[in-house]
Amino acid sequence: MSIRERLYPEDEELPILVQHCSDARFVWNLGLEQRNLWVRGRSQKITYNTQAKELTQARKETWLEEGSSAI
């Protein structure tokens, strides 16, 4: 079962919402790409902890730092 909701943001909220969704999409796609490019047999595995450390480093970038820390 799924729930569908519709948002009606105010004019001043819309750019913030769009930026948040863009940041979340970038982070998700980056993590997915890392997992898809990983080849079995490599000495270093991709784990939650390694990706969390890389995300911490990525948040030091100005454009990603400005967004929500929840992503």
Protein backbone atom coordinates (compact mmCIF):
# COMPACT_ATOMS: atom_id res chain seq x y z
CA MET A 1 0.00 0.00 0.00
CA SER A 2 1.24 3.49 -0.72
CA ILE A 3 0.17 6.95 0.24
CA ARG A 4 0.14 9.79 -2.24
CA GLU A 5 0.18 13.36 -1.06
CA ARG A 6 0.15 16.64 -2.89
CA LEU A 7 2.16 19.66 -1.78
CA TYR A 8 1.05 23.22 -2.30
CA PRO A 9 4.12 25.26 -1.35
CA GLU A 10 4.02 29.02 -1.06
CA ASP A 11 6.02 31.04 -3.58
CA GLU A 12 8.88 31.61 -1.13
CA GLU A 13 8.99 27.91 -0.15
CA LEU A 14 9.22 26.52 -3.68
CA PRO A 15 12.93 27.30 -4.36
CA ILE A 16 13.91 25.76 -1.02
CA LEU A 17 11.90 22.62 -1.75
CA VAL A 18 13.40 22.30 -5.24
CA GLN A 19 16.94 22.73 -3.85
CA HIS A 20 16.33 20.11 -1.16
CA CYS A 21 15.03 17.61 -3.72
CA SER A 22 17.99 18.30 -6.03
CA ASP A 23 20.49 17.74 -3.21
CA ALA A 24 18.77 14.53 -2.12
CA ARG A 25 18.69 13.23 -5.71
CA PHE A 26 22.41 14.00 -6.16
CA VAL A 27 23.40 12.21 -2.95
CA TRP A 28 21.19 9.18 -3.74
CA ASN A 29 22.49 8.87 -7.30
CA LEU A 30 26.11 9.20 -6.16
CA GLY A 31 25.71 6.41 -3.62
CA LEU A 32 23.90 4.23 -6.14
CA GLU A 33 26.61 4.80 -8.75
CA GLN A 34 29.31 3.82 -6.25
CA ARG A 35 27.48 0.61 -5.45
CA ASN A 36 26.88 -0.22 -9.12
CA LEU A 37 30.51 0.38 -10.12
CA TRP A 38 31.91 -1.74 -7.30
CA VAL A 39 33.40 -4.98 -8.58
CA ARG A 40 33.51 -8.13 -6.48
CA GLY A 41 36.99 -9.20 -5.54
CA ARG A 42 38.29 -5.73 -4.76
CA SER A 43 40.09 -5.45 -1.48
CA GLN A 44 38.00 -2.50 -0.29
CA LYS A 45 34.27 -3.07 0.08
CA ILE A 46 31.67 -0.35 -0.10
CA THR A 47 29.83 -0.24 3.21
CA TYR A 48 27.48 2.15 4.93
CA ASN A 49 30.36 3.49 7.01
CA THR A 50 32.60 4.24 4.03
CA GLN A 51 29.79 6.01 2.22
CA ALA A 52 28.85 7.96 5.36
CA LYS A 53 32.45 9.20 5.66
CA GLU A 54 32.43 10.27 2.02
CA LEU A 55 29.12 12.06 2.53
CA THR A 56 30.63 13.95 5.47
CA GLN A 57 33.47 15.07 3.20
CA ALA A 58 31.03 16.03 0.43
CA ARG A 59 29.05 18.22 2.83
CA LYS A 60 32.09 20.46 3.15
CA GLU A 61 31.35 21.61 -0.40
CA THR A 62 29.59 24.98 -0.26
CA TRP A 63 26.63 24.11 -2.46
CA LEU A 64 25.79 20.94 -0.49
CA GLU A 65 26.52 22.54 2.87
CA GLU A 66 23.82 25.16 2.30
CA GLY A 67 21.11 22.50 2.13
CA SER A 68 19.49 20.39 4.80
CA SER A 69 21.68 18.16 6.95
CA ALA A 70 18.93 15.53 6.87
CA ILE A 71 20.13 14.22 3.50
